[in-house]
C-alpha atoms as a PDB file:
ATOM      1  CA  MET A   1       0.000   0.000   0.000  1.00  0.00           C
ATOM      2  CA  ALA A   2       1.318   3.419  -0.911  1.00  0.00           C
ATOM      3  CA  LYS A   3       2.578   5.665   1.853  1.00  0.00           C
ATOM      4  CA  GLY A   4      -0.047   8.149   3.020  1.00  0.00           C
ATOM      5  CA  TRP A   5      -3.039   5.928   2.291  1.00  0.00           C
ATOM      6  CA  LYS A   6      -5.525   5.596   5.107  1.00  0.00           C
ATOM      7  CA  VAL A   7      -7.346   2.386   5.901  1.00  0.00           C
ATOM      8  CA  ARG A   8     -10.838   3.485   6.903  1.00  0.00           C
ATOM      9  CA  ASN A   9     -13.591   1.612   8.691  1.00  0.00           C
ATOM     10  CA  TYR A  10     -14.456  -1.670   6.971  1.00  0.00           C
ATOM     11  CA  GLY A  11     -10.931  -1.716   5.501  1.00  0.00           C
ATOM     12  CA  ILE A  12     -11.799   0.783   2.780  1.00  0.00           C
ATOM     13  CA  ILE A  13      -8.901   2.380   0.928  1.00  0.00           C
ATOM     14  CA  CYS A  14     -10.222   5.329  -1.097  1.00  0.00           C
ATOM     15  CA  LYS A  15      -8.224   6.533  -4.098  1.00  0.00           C
ATOM     16  CA  HIS A  16     -10.319   9.694  -4.251  1.00  0.00           C
ATOM     17  CA  LEU A  17      -9.812  10.776  -0.649  1.00  0.00           C
ATOM     18  CA  ASP A  18      -6.163   9.784  -0.329  1.00  0.00           C
ATOM     19  CA  ALA A  19      -4.761  10.264  -3.824  1.00  0.00           C
ATOM     20  CA  GLY A  20      -7.081  12.963  -5.131  1.00  0.00           C
ATOM     21  CA  GLU A  21      -8.320  10.803  -7.993  1.00  0.00           C
ATOM     22  CA  PHE A  22     -11.718  11.403  -9.570  1.00  0.00           C
ATOM     23  CA  PHE A  23     -13.598  10.180 -12.630  1.00  0.00           C
ATOM     24  CA  PHE A  24     -15.161  12.115 -15.510  1.00  0.00           C
ATOM     25  CA  GLY A  25     -18.256  10.248 -16.666  1.00  0.00           C
ATOM     26  CA  ALA A  26     -19.581  10.148 -20.221  1.00  0.00           C
ATOM     27  CA  ASP A  27     -22.639  11.911 -18.756  1.00  0.00           C
ATOM     28  CA  HIS A  28     -20.465  15.034 -18.186  1.00  0.00           C
ATOM     29  CA  LYS A  29     -20.488  14.519 -14.438  1.00  0.00           C
ATOM     30  CA  VAL A  30     -17.646  14.150 -11.944  1.00  0.00           C
ATOM     31  CA  TYR A  31     -17.529  11.128  -9.637  1.00  0.00           C
ATOM     32  CA  PRO A  32     -15.033  10.168  -6.917  1.00  0.00           C
ATOM     33  CA  CYS A  33     -14.302   6.977  -8.838  1.00  0.00           C
ATOM     34  CA  CYS A  34     -15.371   4.789 -11.724  1.00  0.00           C
ATOM     35  CA  TYR A  35     -17.252   2.483  -9.337  1.00  0.00           C
ATOM     36  CA  LEU A  36     -19.766   5.174  -8.373  1.00  0.00           C
ATOM     37  CA  TYR A  37     -20.117   6.144 -12.020  1.00  0.00           C
ATOM     38  CA  ASP A  38     -20.878   2.488 -12.745  1.00  0.00           C
ATOM     39  CA  ASP A  39     -23.578   2.577 -10.062  1.00  0.00           C
ATOM     40  CA  GLU A  40     -25.049   5.667 -11.692  1.00  0.00           C
ATOM     41  CA  VAL A  41     -25.254   4.259 -15.223  1.00  0.00           C
ATOM     42  CA  SER A  42     -26.375   0.802 -14.083  1.00  0.00           C
ATOM     43  CA  GLY A  43     -29.197   2.263 -11.996  1.00  0.00           C
ATOM     44  CA  ALA A  44     -27.914   1.006  -8.647  1.00  0.00           C
ATOM     45  CA  MET A  45     -29.378   2.827  -5.656  1.00  0.00           C
ATOM     46  CA  ASP A  46     -26.213   4.166  -3.990  1.00  0.00           C
ATOM     47  CA  MET A  47     -26.238   7.487  -5.889  1.00  0.00           C
ATOM     48  CA  GLY A  48     -30.020   7.882  -5.468  1.00  0.00           C
ATOM     49  CA  PRO A  49     -30.012   9.357  -1.941  1.00  0.00           C
ATOM     50  CA  ILE A  50     -27.072  11.617  -2.844  1.00  0.00           C
ATOM     51  CA  LYS A  51     -28.898  13.031  -5.876  1.00  0.00           C
ATOM     52  CA  LYS A  52     -32.094  13.379  -3.842  1.00  0.00           C
ATOM     53  CA  LYS A  53     -30.274  15.466  -1.220  1.00  0.00           C
ATOM     54  CA  TYR A  54     -28.088  17.599  -3.526  1.00  0.00           C
ATOM     55  CA  GLY A  55     -30.018  17.593  -6.779  1.00  0.00           C
ATOM     56  CA  GLU A  56     -29.564  15.857 -10.092  1.00  0.00           C
ATOM     57  CA  ASN A  57     -26.806  18.206 -11.286  1.00  0.00           C
ATOM     58  CA  PHE A  58     -24.620  18.848  -8.213  1.00  0.00           C
ATOM     59  CA  ASN A  59     -21.707  17.095  -9.960  1.00  0.00           C
ATOM     60  CA  SER A  60     -22.479  18.172 -13.535  1.00  0.00           C
ATOM     61  CA  LEU A  61     -19.816  19.918 -15.607  1.00  0.00           C
ATOM     62  CA  GLU A  62     -22.649  21.376 -17.693  1.00  0.00           C
ATOM     63  CA  HIS A  63     -23.835  23.332 -14.643  1.00  0.00           C
ATOM     64  CA  HIS A  64     -20.695  23.839 -12.528  1.00  0.00           C
ATOM     65  CA  SER A  65     -16.947  24.238 -12.945  1.00  0.00           C
ATOM     66  CA  ILE A  66     -14.644  21.432 -11.838  1.00  0.00           C
ATOM     67  CA  LYS A  67     -13.489  23.622  -8.932  1.00  0.00           C
ATOM     68  CA  GLU A  68     -17.084  24.183  -7.780  1.00  0.00           C
ATOM     69  CA  ILE A  69     -17.827  20.470  -7.940  1.00  0.00           C
ATOM     70  CA  LEU A  70     -14.726  19.421  -6.024  1.00  0.00           C
ATOM     71  CA  LYS A  71     -15.442  22.076  -3.365  1.00  0.00           C
ATOM     72  CA  HIS A  72     -19.015  20.780  -2.932  1.00  0.00           C
ATOM     73  CA  GLU A  73     -19.731  19.563   0.607  1.00  0.00           C
ATOM     74  CA  TRP A  74     -20.305  15.989  -0.564  1.00  0.00           C
ATOM     75  CA  PHE A  75     -16.820  15.756  -2.092  1.00  0.00           C
ATOM     76  CA  ASN A  76     -15.328  17.763   0.816  1.00  0.00           C
ATOM     77  CA  GLY A  77     -16.383  15.906   3.920  1.00  0.00           C
ATOM     78  CA  VAL A  78     -19.721  14.166   3.590  1.00  0.00           C
ATOM     79  CA  LEU A  79     -18.311  11.404   1.382  1.00  0.00           C
ATOM     80  CA  GLU A  80     -15.619  10.540   3.930  1.00  0.00           C
ATOM     81  CA  LYS A  81     -18.088  10.625   6.824  1.00  0.00           C
ATOM     82  CA  SER A  82     -20.508   8.401   4.921  1.00  0.00           C
ATOM     83  CA  ILE A  83     -17.773   5.856   4.176  1.00  0.00           C
ATOM     84  CA  ASP A  84     -16.803   5.602   7.843  1.00  0.00           C
ATOM     85  CA  ASP A  85     -20.377   5.279   9.173  1.00  0.00           C
ATOM     86  CA  LYS A  86     -22.648   2.548   7.800  1.00  0.00           C
ATOM     87  CA  ASN A  87     -25.622   4.276   9.462  1.00  0.00           C
ATOM     88  CA  HIS A  88     -24.963   7.592   7.681  1.00  0.00           C
ATOM     89  CA  GLU A  89     -27.924   8.649   5.517  1.00  0.00           C
ATOM     90  CA  LEU A  90     -25.649   8.764   2.452  1.00  0.00           C
ATOM     91  CA  HIS A  91     -23.578   5.644   3.211  1.00  0.00           C
ATOM     92  CA  CYS A  92     -22.411   4.028  -0.003  1.00  0.00           C
ATOM     93  CA  THR A  93     -22.143   0.246   0.146  1.00  0.00           C
ATOM     94  CA  ARG A  94     -20.273   0.235  -3.177  1.00  0.00           C
ATOM     95  CA  CYS A  95     -17.260   1.760  -1.410  1.00  0.00           C
ATOM     96  CA  TRP A  96     -16.889  -1.349   0.747  1.00  0.00           C
ATOM     97  CA  TYR A  97     -17.827  -3.718  -2.054  1.00  0.00           C
ATOM     98  CA  SER A  98     -15.187  -2.378  -4.452  1.00  0.00           C
ATOM     99  CA  CYS A  99     -12.472  -0.955  -2.165  1.00  0.00           C
ATOM    100  CA  GLY A 100     -12.906  -2.673   1.204  1.00  0.00           C
ATOM    101  CA  ASP A 101     -10.712  -5.188   2.988  1.00  0.00           C
ATOM    102  CA  LYS A 102      -7.629  -2.979   2.531  1.00  0.00           C
ATOM    103  CA  GLY A 103      -8.097  -2.852  -1.206  1.00  0.00           C
ATOM    104  CA  SER A 104      -8.141  -6.624  -1.709  1.00  0.00           C
ATOM    105  CA  ARG A 105     -11.744  -6.395  -2.940  1.00  0.00           C
ATOM    106  CA  SER A 106     -10.728  -4.119  -5.825  1.00  0.00           C
ATOM    107  CA  THR A 107     -11.504  -5.532  -9.246  1.00  0.00           C
ATOM    108  CA  GLN A 108      -8.600  -3.600 -10.789  1.00  0.00           C
ATOM    109  CA  LYS A 109      -5.305  -5.397 -11.256  1.00  0.00           C
ATOM    110  CA  LYS A 110      -2.166  -3.403 -11.990  1.00  0.00           C
ATOM    111  CA  TYR A 111       0.899  -4.607 -13.795  1.00  0.00           C
ATOM    112  CA  LYS A 112       3.761  -2.916 -15.607  1.00  0.00           C
ATOM    113  CA  GLU A 113       5.310  -3.739 -18.946  1.00  0.00           C
ATOM    114  CA  LYS A 114       7.740  -2.124 -21.340  1.00  0.00           C
ATOM    115  CA  SER A 115       6.171  -0.274 -24.253  1.00  0.00           C
ATOM    116  CA  THR A 116       6.527  -2.059 -27.611  1.00  0.00           C
ATOM    117  CA  ASN A 117       6.839   1.311 -29.364  1.00  0.00           C
ATOM    118  CA  PRO A 118      10.568   1.713 -30.240  1.00  0.00           C
ATOM    119  CA  TYR A 119      10.238   5.508 -29.902  1.00  0.00           C
ATOM    120  CA  ASN A 120       8.880   5.244 -26.387  1.00  0.00           C
ATOM    121  CA  GLN A 121      10.693   2.922 -24.013  1.00  0.00           C
ATOM    122  CA  LEU A 122       8.923   4.215 -20.900  1.00  0.00           C
ATOM    123  CA  GLU A 123       7.069   1.811 -18.646  1.00  0.00           C
ATOM    124  CA  VAL A 124       3.339   1.831 -19.252  1.00  0.00           C
ATOM    125  CA  GLU A 125       0.910   1.059 -16.455  1.00  0.00           C
ATOM    126  CA  HIS A 126      -2.123  -0.975 -17.476  1.00  0.00           C
ATOM    127  CA  VAL A 127      -5.285  -1.372 -15.414  1.00  0.00           C
ATOM    128  CA  GLU A 128      -7.503  -4.356 -16.040  1.00  0.00           C
ATOM    129  CA  GLY A 129     -11.106  -4.269 -15.017  1.00  0.00           C
END
């Protein structure tokens, strides 16, 4: 595990909270990760209560700048509180399902290989999943 990563309740390691990663969806919305975007497009219920509380477009790039979205209270505190408390009104079970047990539940596998492009001999990181 990378230095500086925090293991939260339920063994959740969050790339968004600890590494500042986020995901731009094809729907022009910003999500903390691809897993929550997947929940959104598949119709899973985890994003439902969040949208009900903050509105359909709280994370929309068509309505807000990236800075406004990332400063939103859900991205800046509520998300972390809801991960750590399974009784929180906005608790997201997908966080545990995909990133719990100290990351061992993650469906992404990382490996490194040398680029086959003779003009670029840098290592390329691939993510399966």
